[in-house]
Amino acid sequence: MNIRVRKADAYDIEKISHIGKVSFRNAFANVFCPCNLDEYLKKAFNPDTIARSLARENDVYFIAEICNLPVGFAKVKTFSLSDEIESGSQMQLEKIYVLPGYQDTGVGTALLKEVIDHANEAGPDYLWLDVYAGNEHAIRFYEKNGFMQGASYHRGIGSQHFEFYMMMLPVNVDETLCC
């Protein structure tokens, strides 16, 4: 399978919105009550919100394509600090989503490789992310690729509260990439 990853631009806003909504619903519909899920999807993957984010220098999006079909995306905040990491130079992997039919095909790994390449160019000490504690598939993926689990915390989304783990990866370790 030939996966192409490139930096996203303004022409990709609707694609990012679609991938985000479909992938998030597929992954989390079983843990969200429907009203909270719909509200979150409208807000988080609103094309206007994505356009504003894409225009920020600190926010970088990558799109994964197979045969020119967009199948996944990742979003990083080039400079974003976690209180759990003792370093003033950090980058956050804020989102990584792959359409359901393309999971476990290497798309997520290709996106993560591009994110790590970006981190190696930008030069932070750590790349970090938050992951829902119940998303065992994602946790295994990140651990296989060298991320270490840090602190856990609870965050409210709508009227619900969820447990999350902070995970971190020292930068300049692209050789750790796995499946």
N, C-alpha and C. Protein backbone atom coordinates (compact mmCIF):
# COMPACT_ATOMS: atom_id res chain seq x y z
N MET A 1 0.85 -1.18 0.00
CA MET A 1 0.00 0.00 0.00
C MET A 1 0.90 1.24 0.00
N ASN A 2 0.70 2.10 -0.97
CA ASN A 2 1.51 3.31 -1.10
C ASN A 2 0.84 4.46 -0.35
N ILE A 3 1.43 4.84 0.77
CA ILE A 3 0.89 5.90 1.62
C ILE A 3 1.74 7.15 1.42
N ARG A 4 1.08 8.24 1.08
CA ARG A 4 1.77 9.51 0.92
C ARG A 4 1.32 10.44 2.05
N VAL A 5 2.28 11.04 2.74
CA VAL A 5 1.96 12.01 3.79
C VAL A 5 2.54 13.35 3.37
N ARG A 6 1.73 14.38 3.51
CA ARG A 6 2.16 15.72 3.14
C ARG A 6 1.59 16.71 4.13
N LYS A 7 2.18 17.92 4.15
CA LYS A 7 1.64 18.98 4.97
C LYS A 7 0.30 19.42 4.40
N ALA A 8 -0.65 19.63 5.28
CA ALA A 8 -1.98 20.06 4.84
C ALA A 8 -1.99 21.56 4.59
N ASP A 9 -2.94 21.99 3.76
CA ASP A 9 -3.12 23.42 3.50
C ASP A 9 -4.62 23.74 3.53
N ALA A 10 -4.96 24.95 3.17
CA ALA A 10 -6.36 25.40 3.26
C ALA A 10 -7.31 24.56 2.41
N TYR A 11 -6.81 23.93 1.37
CA TYR A 11 -7.67 23.09 0.53
C TYR A 11 -8.06 21.78 1.23
N ASP A 12 -7.41 21.49 2.35
CA ASP A 12 -7.65 20.23 3.06
C ASP A 12 -8.62 20.36 4.25
N ILE A 13 -9.14 21.53 4.48
CA ILE A 13 -9.96 21.77 5.68
C ILE A 13 -11.16 20.82 5.73
N GLU A 14 -11.91 20.69 4.66
CA GLU A 14 -13.08 19.80 4.66
C GLU A 14 -12.66 18.34 4.82
N LYS A 15 -11.52 17.97 4.25
CA LYS A 15 -11.03 16.60 4.39
C LYS A 15 -10.69 16.30 5.84
N ILE A 16 -10.01 17.24 6.49
CA ILE A 16 -9.65 17.08 7.91
C ILE A 16 -10.92 16.97 8.75
N SER A 17 -11.88 17.83 8.48
CA SER A 17 -13.15 17.81 9.21
C SER A 17 -13.83 16.44 9.07
N HIS A 18 -13.92 15.95 7.85
CA HIS A 18 -14.57 14.66 7.60
C HIS A 18 -13.84 13.52 8.30
N ILE A 19 -12.52 13.44 8.13
CA ILE A 19 -11.74 12.37 8.74
C ILE A 19 -11.89 12.41 10.26
N GLY A 20 -11.82 13.61 10.83
CA GLY A 20 -11.94 13.76 12.28
C GLY A 20 -13.29 13.27 12.79
N LYS A 21 -14.35 13.72 12.15
CA LYS A 21 -15.70 13.32 12.60
C LYS A 21 -15.92 11.82 12.50
N VAL A 22 -15.59 11.24 11.36
CA VAL A 22 -15.82 9.81 11.14
C VAL A 22 -14.95 8.98 12.09
N SER A 23 -13.67 9.32 12.18
CA SER A 23 -12.74 8.53 13.00
C SER A 23 -13.06 8.65 14.48
N PHE A 24 -13.35 9.87 14.94
CA PHE A 24 -13.65 10.07 16.35
C PHE A 24 -14.93 9.33 16.74
N ARG A 25 -15.96 9.46 15.90
CA ARG A 25 -17.22 8.76 16.18
C ARG A 25 -16.98 7.25 16.24
N ASN A 26 -16.22 6.72 15.31
CA ASN A 26 -15.94 5.29 15.27
C ASN A 26 -15.20 4.84 16.54
N ALA A 27 -14.28 5.64 17.01
CA ALA A 27 -13.46 5.26 18.16
C ALA A 27 -14.18 5.44 19.50
N PHE A 28 -15.06 6.46 19.59
CA PHE A 28 -15.55 6.84 20.91
C PHE A 28 -17.07 6.85 21.07
N ALA A 29 -17.82 6.43 20.06
CA ALA A 29 -19.29 6.43 20.18
C ALA A 29 -19.75 5.55 21.33
N ASN A 30 -18.98 4.53 21.65
CA ASN A 30 -19.39 3.61 22.71
C ASN A 30 -19.15 4.18 24.12
N VAL A 31 -18.42 5.27 24.27
CA VAL A 31 -18.16 5.84 25.60
C VAL A 31 -18.82 7.20 25.81
N PHE A 32 -19.21 7.86 24.74
CA PHE A 32 -19.87 9.16 24.84
C PHE A 32 -21.38 8.99 24.82
N CYS A 33 -22.09 9.81 25.57
CA CYS A 33 -23.53 9.87 25.36
C CYS A 33 -23.73 10.65 24.05
N PRO A 34 -24.75 10.33 23.28
CA PRO A 34 -24.92 10.92 21.94
C PRO A 34 -24.91 12.45 21.92
N CYS A 35 -25.53 13.11 22.90
CA CYS A 35 -25.57 14.57 22.87
C CYS A 35 -24.18 15.17 23.07
N ASN A 36 -23.37 14.60 23.96
CA ASN A 36 -22.01 15.08 24.16
C ASN A 36 -21.14 14.82 22.94
N LEU A 37 -21.32 13.65 22.32
CA LEU A 37 -20.53 13.31 21.14
C LEU A 37 -20.83 14.27 20.00
N ASP A 38 -22.10 14.48 19.71
CA ASP A 38 -22.48 15.39 18.62
C ASP A 38 -21.97 16.80 18.86
N GLU A 39 -22.10 17.27 20.09
CA GLU A 39 -21.63 18.61 20.43
C GLU A 39 -20.12 18.71 20.26
N TYR A 40 -19.40 17.70 20.72
CA TYR A 40 -17.94 17.70 20.59
C TYR A 40 -17.52 17.69 19.13
N LEU A 41 -18.14 16.84 18.32
CA LEU A 41 -17.78 16.74 16.90
C LEU A 41 -18.02 18.06 16.18
N LYS A 42 -19.15 18.70 16.47
CA LYS A 42 -19.45 19.99 15.83
C LYS A 42 -18.41 21.04 16.16
N LYS A 43 -17.96 21.04 17.40
CA LYS A 43 -16.99 22.04 17.85
C LYS A 43 -15.56 21.70 17.40
N ALA A 44 -15.12 20.49 17.67
CA ALA A 44 -13.72 20.12 17.42
C ALA A 44 -13.39 20.03 15.94
N PHE A 45 -14.35 19.62 15.12
CA PHE A 45 -14.07 19.41 13.70
C PHE A 45 -14.84 20.37 12.80
N ASN A 46 -15.21 21.51 13.36
CA ASN A 46 -15.86 22.57 12.60
C ASN A 46 -14.86 23.12 11.58
N PRO A 47 -15.21 23.21 10.32
CA PRO A 47 -14.27 23.71 9.31
C PRO A 47 -13.70 25.11 9.64
N ASP A 48 -14.51 25.99 10.23
CA ASP A 48 -13.99 27.32 10.60
C ASP A 48 -12.93 27.21 11.69
N THR A 49 -13.15 26.34 12.66
CA THR A 49 -12.18 26.11 13.72
C THR A 49 -10.88 25.56 13.15
N ILE A 50 -11.00 24.61 12.24
CA ILE A 50 -9.82 24.02 11.60
C ILE A 50 -9.08 25.07 10.78
N ALA A 51 -9.81 25.91 10.07
CA ALA A 51 -9.19 26.96 9.25
C ALA A 51 -8.40 27.92 10.13
N ARG A 52 -8.97 28.33 11.27
CA ARG A 52 -8.24 29.23 12.18
C ARG A 52 -6.98 28.55 12.71
N SER A 53 -7.11 27.29 13.06
CA SER A 53 -5.96 26.54 13.57
C SER A 53 -4.88 26.39 12.50
N LEU A 54 -5.30 26.06 11.30
CA LEU A 54 -4.35 25.87 10.20
C LEU A 54 -3.59 27.16 9.88
N ALA A 55 -4.21 28.29 10.14
CA ALA A 55 -3.57 29.58 9.87
C ALA A 55 -2.52 29.95 10.93
N ARG A 56 -2.56 29.29 12.08
CA ARG A 56 -1.58 29.58 13.14
C ARG A 56 -0.24 28.95 12.79
N GLU A 57 0.81 29.70 12.96
CA GLU A 57 2.15 29.21 12.66
C GLU A 57 2.52 28.03 13.55
N ASN A 58 2.02 28.01 14.77
CA ASN A 58 2.36 26.96 15.74
C ASN A 58 1.66 25.63 15.45
N ASP A 59 0.56 25.66 14.70
CA ASP A 59 -0.20 24.45 14.41
C ASP A 59 0.16 23.93 13.03
N VAL A 60 0.51 22.64 12.96
CA VAL A 60 0.88 22.02 11.69
C VAL A 60 0.03 20.75 11.52
N TYR A 61 -0.57 20.62 10.36
CA TYR A 61 -1.38 19.45 10.02
C TYR A 61 -0.69 18.66 8.92
N PHE A 62 -0.81 17.34 9.01
CA PHE A 62 -0.33 16.44 7.98
C PHE A 62 -1.50 15.58 7.52
N ILE A 63 -1.56 15.33 6.23
CA ILE A 63 -2.61 14.50 5.62
C ILE A 63 -1.96 13.24 5.07
N ALA A 64 -2.57 12.09 5.33
CA ALA A 64 -2.13 10.83 4.74
C ALA A 64 -3.10 10.48 3.62
N GLU A 65 -2.54 10.10 2.47
CA GLU A 65 -3.36 9.75 1.30
C GLU A 65 -2.93 8.40 0.75
N ILE A 66 -3.91 7.69 0.25
CA ILE A 66 -3.67 6.46 -0.51
C ILE A 66 -4.38 6.65 -1.84
N CYS A 67 -3.63 6.59 -2.92
CA CYS A 67 -4.19 6.83 -4.26
C CYS A 67 -4.94 8.16 -4.30
N ASN A 68 -4.36 9.19 -3.72
CA ASN A 68 -4.92 10.54 -3.66
C ASN A 68 -6.19 10.65 -2.82
N LEU A 69 -6.55 9.60 -2.10
CA LEU A 69 -7.71 9.62 -1.22
C LEU A 69 -7.24 9.93 0.20
N PRO A 70 -7.75 11.01 0.81
CA PRO A 70 -7.33 11.33 2.18
C PRO A 70 -7.90 10.30 3.16
N VAL A 71 -7.01 9.67 3.95
CA VAL A 71 -7.44 8.59 4.84
C VAL A 71 -7.04 8.84 6.30
N GLY A 72 -6.28 9.89 6.57
CA GLY A 72 -5.87 10.18 7.94
C GLY A 72 -5.23 11.55 8.03
N PHE A 73 -5.15 12.05 9.26
CA PHE A 73 -4.44 13.30 9.47
C PHE A 73 -3.86 13.33 10.87
N ALA A 74 -2.87 14.19 11.03
CA ALA A 74 -2.26 14.45 12.34
C ALA A 74 -2.14 15.96 12.50
N LYS A 75 -2.24 16.40 13.74
CA LYS A 75 -2.06 17.81 14.06
C LYS A 75 -1.05 17.92 15.19
N VAL A 76 -0.07 18.79 15.02
CA VAL A 76 0.90 19.05 16.08
C VAL A 76 0.90 20.53 16.43
N LYS A 77 1.19 20.78 17.68
CA LYS A 77 1.47 22.14 18.15
C LYS A 77 2.98 22.17 18.35
N THR A 78 3.66 22.91 17.48
CA THR A 78 5.11 22.91 17.46
C THR A 78 5.71 23.32 18.80
N PHE A 79 5.08 24.24 19.49
CA PHE A 79 5.52 24.61 20.84
C PHE A 79 4.32 24.53 21.76
N SER A 80 4.32 23.53 22.63
CA SER A 80 3.23 23.34 23.57
C SER A 80 3.77 22.60 24.78
N LEU A 81 3.62 23.20 25.96
CA LEU A 81 4.20 22.64 27.17
C LEU A 81 3.21 21.81 27.97
N SER A 82 3.69 20.68 28.48
CA SER A 82 2.96 19.88 29.44
C SER A 82 3.63 20.11 30.79
N ASP A 83 2.82 20.34 31.81
CA ASP A 83 3.36 20.54 33.16
C ASP A 83 4.03 19.27 33.68
N GLU A 84 3.75 18.14 33.07
CA GLU A 84 4.28 16.86 33.54
C GLU A 84 5.71 16.59 33.06
N ILE A 85 6.22 17.42 32.17
CA ILE A 85 7.56 17.20 31.61
C ILE A 85 8.44 18.36 32.05
N GLU A 86 9.60 18.02 32.58
CA GLU A 86 10.54 19.05 33.04
C GLU A 86 11.45 19.46 31.89
N SER A 87 10.89 20.26 31.00
CA SER A 87 11.63 20.78 29.86
C SER A 87 10.87 21.99 29.33
N GLY A 88 11.60 22.99 28.91
CA GLY A 88 10.97 24.17 28.33
C GLY A 88 10.83 24.07 26.82
N SER A 89 11.17 22.91 26.25
CA SER A 89 11.12 22.74 24.80
C SER A 89 10.36 21.45 24.49
N GLN A 90 9.07 21.62 24.17
CA GLN A 90 8.20 20.47 23.94
C GLN A 90 7.29 20.72 22.74
N MET A 91 6.90 19.64 22.11
CA MET A 91 5.95 19.67 21.01
C MET A 91 4.82 18.70 21.35
N GLN A 92 3.59 19.08 21.01
CA GLN A 92 2.43 18.24 21.31
C GLN A 92 1.85 17.64 20.04
N LEU A 93 1.67 16.33 20.05
CA LEU A 93 0.87 15.65 19.02
C LEU A 93 -0.55 15.74 19.54
N GLU A 94 -1.32 16.68 18.99
CA GLU A 94 -2.65 16.95 19.51
C GLU A 94 -3.71 15.99 18.97
N LYS A 95 -3.58 15.63 17.70
CA LYS A 95 -4.57 14.74 17.08
C LYS A 95 -3.87 13.84 16.08
N ILE A 96 -4.33 12.62 16.03
CA ILE A 96 -3.95 11.71 14.94
C ILE A 96 -5.16 10.80 14.73
N TYR A 97 -5.74 10.87 13.55
CA TYR A 97 -6.94 10.10 13.24
C TYR A 97 -6.79 9.44 11.88
N VAL A 98 -7.26 8.19 11.82
CA VAL A 98 -7.23 7.42 10.58
C VAL A 98 -8.63 6.86 10.37
N LEU A 99 -9.13 6.97 9.14
CA LEU A 99 -10.46 6.44 8.83
C LEU A 99 -10.53 4.95 9.17
N PRO A 100 -11.68 4.48 9.65
CA PRO A 100 -11.81 3.09 10.11
C PRO A 100 -11.31 2.03 9.13
N GLY A 101 -11.59 2.13 7.88
CA GLY A 101 -11.16 1.11 6.92
C GLY A 101 -9.66 1.09 6.65
N TYR A 102 -8.93 2.06 7.17
CA TYR A 102 -7.50 2.17 6.90
C TYR A 102 -6.64 2.02 8.15
N GLN A 103 -7.27 1.70 9.27
CA GLN A 103 -6.50 1.47 10.49
C GLN A 103 -5.76 0.14 10.37
N ASP A 104 -4.61 0.07 11.01
CA ASP A 104 -3.75 -1.12 10.98
C ASP A 104 -3.23 -1.44 9.57
N THR A 105 -3.07 -0.39 8.75
CA THR A 105 -2.51 -0.57 7.41
C THR A 105 -1.20 0.19 7.24
N GLY A 106 -0.72 0.83 8.30
CA GLY A 106 0.51 1.61 8.22
C GLY A 106 0.28 3.11 8.11
N VAL A 107 -0.98 3.53 7.98
CA VAL A 107 -1.27 4.96 7.84
C VAL A 107 -0.88 5.72 9.11
N GLY A 108 -1.26 5.18 10.27
CA GLY A 108 -0.92 5.84 11.53
C GLY A 108 0.59 5.93 11.71
N THR A 109 1.30 4.88 11.37
CA THR A 109 2.76 4.88 11.48
C THR A 109 3.37 5.90 10.54
N ALA A 110 2.84 6.00 9.32
CA ALA A 110 3.35 6.98 8.36
C ALA A 110 3.12 8.41 8.87
N LEU A 111 1.94 8.66 9.45
CA LEU A 111 1.67 9.98 10.01
C LEU A 111 2.60 10.26 11.19
N LEU A 112 2.77 9.28 12.07
CA LEU A 112 3.64 9.47 13.22
C LEU A 112 5.08 9.71 12.79
N LYS A 113 5.54 9.02 11.77
CA LYS A 113 6.90 9.24 11.25
C LYS A 113 7.06 10.69 10.78
N GLU A 114 6.06 11.18 10.07
CA GLU A 114 6.12 12.57 9.59
C GLU A 114 6.13 13.55 10.76
N VAL A 115 5.35 13.26 11.79
CA VAL A 115 5.33 14.11 12.99
C VAL A 115 6.70 14.10 13.66
N ILE A 116 7.30 12.91 13.78
CA ILE A 116 8.62 12.81 14.42
C ILE A 116 9.68 13.50 13.57
N ASP A 117 9.60 13.38 12.25
CA ASP A 117 10.52 14.11 11.37
C ASP A 117 10.38 15.63 11.60
N HIS A 118 9.16 16.09 11.72
CA HIS A 118 8.90 17.51 12.00
C HIS A 118 9.50 17.89 13.35
N ALA A 119 9.35 17.03 14.34
CA ALA A 119 9.91 17.29 15.67
C ALA A 119 11.44 17.33 15.60
N ASN A 120 12.03 16.42 14.85
CA ASN A 120 13.49 16.43 14.71
C ASN A 120 13.99 17.72 14.07
N GLU A 121 13.23 18.26 13.12
CA GLU A 121 13.60 19.54 12.50
C GLU A 121 13.42 20.70 13.47
N ALA A 122 12.33 20.69 14.22
CA ALA A 122 12.03 21.79 15.14
C ALA A 122 12.91 21.75 16.39
N GLY A 123 13.30 20.54 16.81
CA GLY A 123 14.25 20.39 17.89
C GLY A 123 13.76 20.46 19.32
N PRO A 124 12.51 20.12 19.64
CA PRO A 124 12.13 20.10 21.05
C PRO A 124 12.80 18.91 21.75
N ASP A 125 12.79 18.95 23.07
CA ASP A 125 13.32 17.83 23.84
C ASP A 125 12.35 16.64 23.83
N TYR A 126 11.06 16.95 23.84
CA TYR A 126 10.04 15.91 23.92
C TYR A 126 8.89 16.18 22.98
N LEU A 127 8.31 15.09 22.50
CA LEU A 127 7.03 15.09 21.81
C LEU A 127 6.06 14.41 22.78
N TRP A 128 4.93 15.05 23.05
CA TRP A 128 3.99 14.47 24.01
C TRP A 128 2.58 14.50 23.45
N LEU A 129 1.71 13.71 24.08
CA LEU A 129 0.31 13.62 23.68
C LEU A 129 -0.52 13.19 24.86
N ASP A 130 -1.82 13.36 24.73
CA ASP A 130 -2.80 12.84 25.68
C ASP A 130 -3.58 11.76 24.96
N VAL A 131 -3.87 10.67 25.67
CA VAL A 131 -4.64 9.58 25.09
C VAL A 131 -5.69 9.12 26.11
N TYR A 132 -6.88 8.86 25.63
CA TYR A 132 -7.96 8.36 26.47
C TYR A 132 -7.52 7.02 27.06
N ALA A 133 -7.63 6.89 28.38
CA ALA A 133 -7.14 5.69 29.08
C ALA A 133 -7.82 4.41 28.60
N GLY A 134 -9.02 4.51 28.07
CA GLY A 134 -9.72 3.33 27.57
C GLY A 134 -9.38 2.96 26.13
N ASN A 135 -8.53 3.75 25.50
CA ASN A 135 -8.16 3.49 24.10
C ASN A 135 -6.89 2.63 24.06
N GLU A 136 -7.06 1.36 24.40
CA GLU A 136 -5.92 0.45 24.52
C GLU A 136 -5.18 0.28 23.20
N HIS A 137 -5.90 0.31 22.10
CA HIS A 137 -5.27 0.17 20.78
C HIS A 137 -4.27 1.31 20.55
N ALA A 138 -4.69 2.54 20.84
CA ALA A 138 -3.81 3.69 20.66
C ALA A 138 -2.64 3.65 21.63
N ILE A 139 -2.90 3.26 22.87
CA ILE A 139 -1.82 3.20 23.87
C ILE A 139 -0.76 2.20 23.42
N ARG A 140 -1.16 1.03 22.95
CA ARG A 140 -0.19 0.03 22.45
C ARG A 140 0.59 0.58 21.27
N PHE A 141 -0.10 1.28 20.35
CA PHE A 141 0.56 1.88 19.19
C PHE A 141 1.67 2.84 19.63
N TYR A 142 1.34 3.73 20.55
CA TYR A 142 2.33 4.70 21.00
C TYR A 142 3.47 4.04 21.77
N GLU A 143 3.14 3.06 22.60
CA GLU A 143 4.20 2.36 23.34
C GLU A 143 5.14 1.62 22.39
N LYS A 144 4.58 0.97 21.36
CA LYS A 144 5.42 0.27 20.37
C LYS A 144 6.35 1.24 19.66
N ASN A 145 5.96 2.49 19.61
CA ASN A 145 6.76 3.50 18.92
C ASN A 145 7.57 4.37 19.88
N GLY A 146 7.81 3.86 21.08
CA GLY A 146 8.75 4.48 21.99
C GLY A 146 8.19 5.47 23.00
N PHE A 147 6.90 5.75 22.96
CA PHE A 147 6.31 6.68 23.92
C PHE A 147 6.23 6.02 25.30
N MET A 148 6.48 6.81 26.32
CA MET A 148 6.38 6.35 27.70
C MET A 148 5.15 6.98 28.34
N GLN A 149 4.46 6.18 29.13
CA GLN A 149 3.26 6.70 29.80
C GLN A 149 3.66 7.54 31.00
N GLY A 150 3.05 8.71 31.12
CA GLY A 150 3.28 9.60 32.25
C GLY A 150 2.06 9.64 33.14
N ALA A 151 1.77 10.80 33.63
CA ALA A 151 0.69 11.00 34.58
C ALA A 151 -0.68 10.72 33.96
N SER A 152 -1.64 10.41 34.82
CA SER A 152 -3.03 10.30 34.37
C SER A 152 -3.79 11.46 34.99
N TYR A 153 -4.86 11.84 34.34
CA TYR A 153 -5.70 12.94 34.83
C TYR A 153 -7.10 12.76 34.27
N HIS A 154 -8.04 13.49 34.81
CA HIS A 154 -9.43 13.45 34.35
C HIS A 154 -9.79 14.79 33.70
N ARG A 155 -10.57 14.70 32.63
CA ARG A 155 -11.00 15.91 31.93
C ARG A 155 -12.47 15.72 31.56
N GLY A 156 -13.22 16.79 31.71
CA GLY A 156 -14.62 16.77 31.35
C GLY A 156 -14.83 17.14 29.90
N ILE A 157 -15.71 16.41 29.24
CA ILE A 157 -16.15 16.73 27.89
C ILE A 157 -17.67 16.68 27.94
N GLY A 158 -18.28 17.84 27.79
CA GLY A 158 -19.72 17.92 27.98
C GLY A 158 -20.02 17.62 29.44
N SER A 159 -20.98 16.75 29.67
CA SER A 159 -21.34 16.40 31.05
C SER A 159 -20.61 15.16 31.55
N GLN A 160 -19.69 14.63 30.76
CA GLN A 160 -18.98 13.40 31.12
C GLN A 160 -17.53 13.71 31.49
N HIS A 161 -16.95 12.81 32.31
CA HIS A 161 -15.55 12.93 32.68
C HIS A 161 -14.82 11.67 32.26
N PHE A 162 -13.60 11.85 31.76
CA PHE A 162 -12.82 10.75 31.23
C PHE A 162 -11.41 10.79 31.80
N GLU A 163 -10.80 9.62 31.90
CA GLU A 163 -9.40 9.53 32.33
C GLU A 163 -8.51 9.53 31.09
N PHE A 164 -7.43 10.29 31.15
CA PHE A 164 -6.45 10.38 30.07
C PHE A 164 -5.06 10.09 30.62
N TYR A 165 -4.18 9.60 29.76
CA TYR A 165 -2.77 9.45 30.09
C TYR A 165 -1.98 10.44 29.24
N MET A 166 -0.99 11.05 29.84
CA MET A 166 -0.03 11.83 29.09
C MET A 166 1.07 10.84 28.70
N MET A 167 1.47 10.86 27.43
CA MET A 167 2.56 10.00 26.97
C MET A 167 3.61 10.89 26.32
N MET A 168 4.88 10.50 26.45
CA MET A 168 5.95 11.35 25.92
C MET A 168 7.02 10.52 25.25
N LEU A 169 7.70 11.18 24.32
CA LEU A 169 8.77 10.55 23.56
C LEU A 169 9.93 11.53 23.48
N PRO A 170 11.13 11.13 23.94
CA PRO A 170 12.28 12.01 23.71
C PRO A 170 12.49 12.14 22.20
N VAL A 171 12.79 13.33 21.75
CA VAL A 171 12.95 13.57 20.30
C VAL A 171 14.32 13.07 19.84
N ASN A 172 14.45 12.90 18.53
CA ASN A 172 15.63 12.34 17.87
C ASN A 172 15.69 10.83 18.08
N VAL A 173 14.52 10.19 18.04
CA VAL A 173 14.46 8.74 18.23
C VAL A 173 13.64 8.09 17.13
N ASP A 174 13.70 8.62 15.90
CA ASP A 174 12.85 8.09 14.84
C ASP A 174 13.12 6.63 14.53
N GLU A 175 14.26 6.10 15.01
CA GLU A 175 14.53 4.69 14.77
C GLU A 175 13.62 3.78 15.59
N THR A 176 12.84 4.34 16.52
CA THR A 176 11.97 3.52 17.35
C THR A 176 10.65 3.18 16.65
N LEU A 177 10.39 3.79 15.52
CA LEU A 177 9.10 3.57 14.88
C LEU A 177 8.85 2.10 14.57
N CYS A 178 7.68 1.71 14.91
CA CYS A 178 7.25 0.33 14.69
C CYS A 178 6.00 0.35 13.83
N CYS A 179 5.14 -0.53 14.00
CA CYS A 179 3.91 -0.74 13.24
C CYS A 179 2.95 0.35 13.53
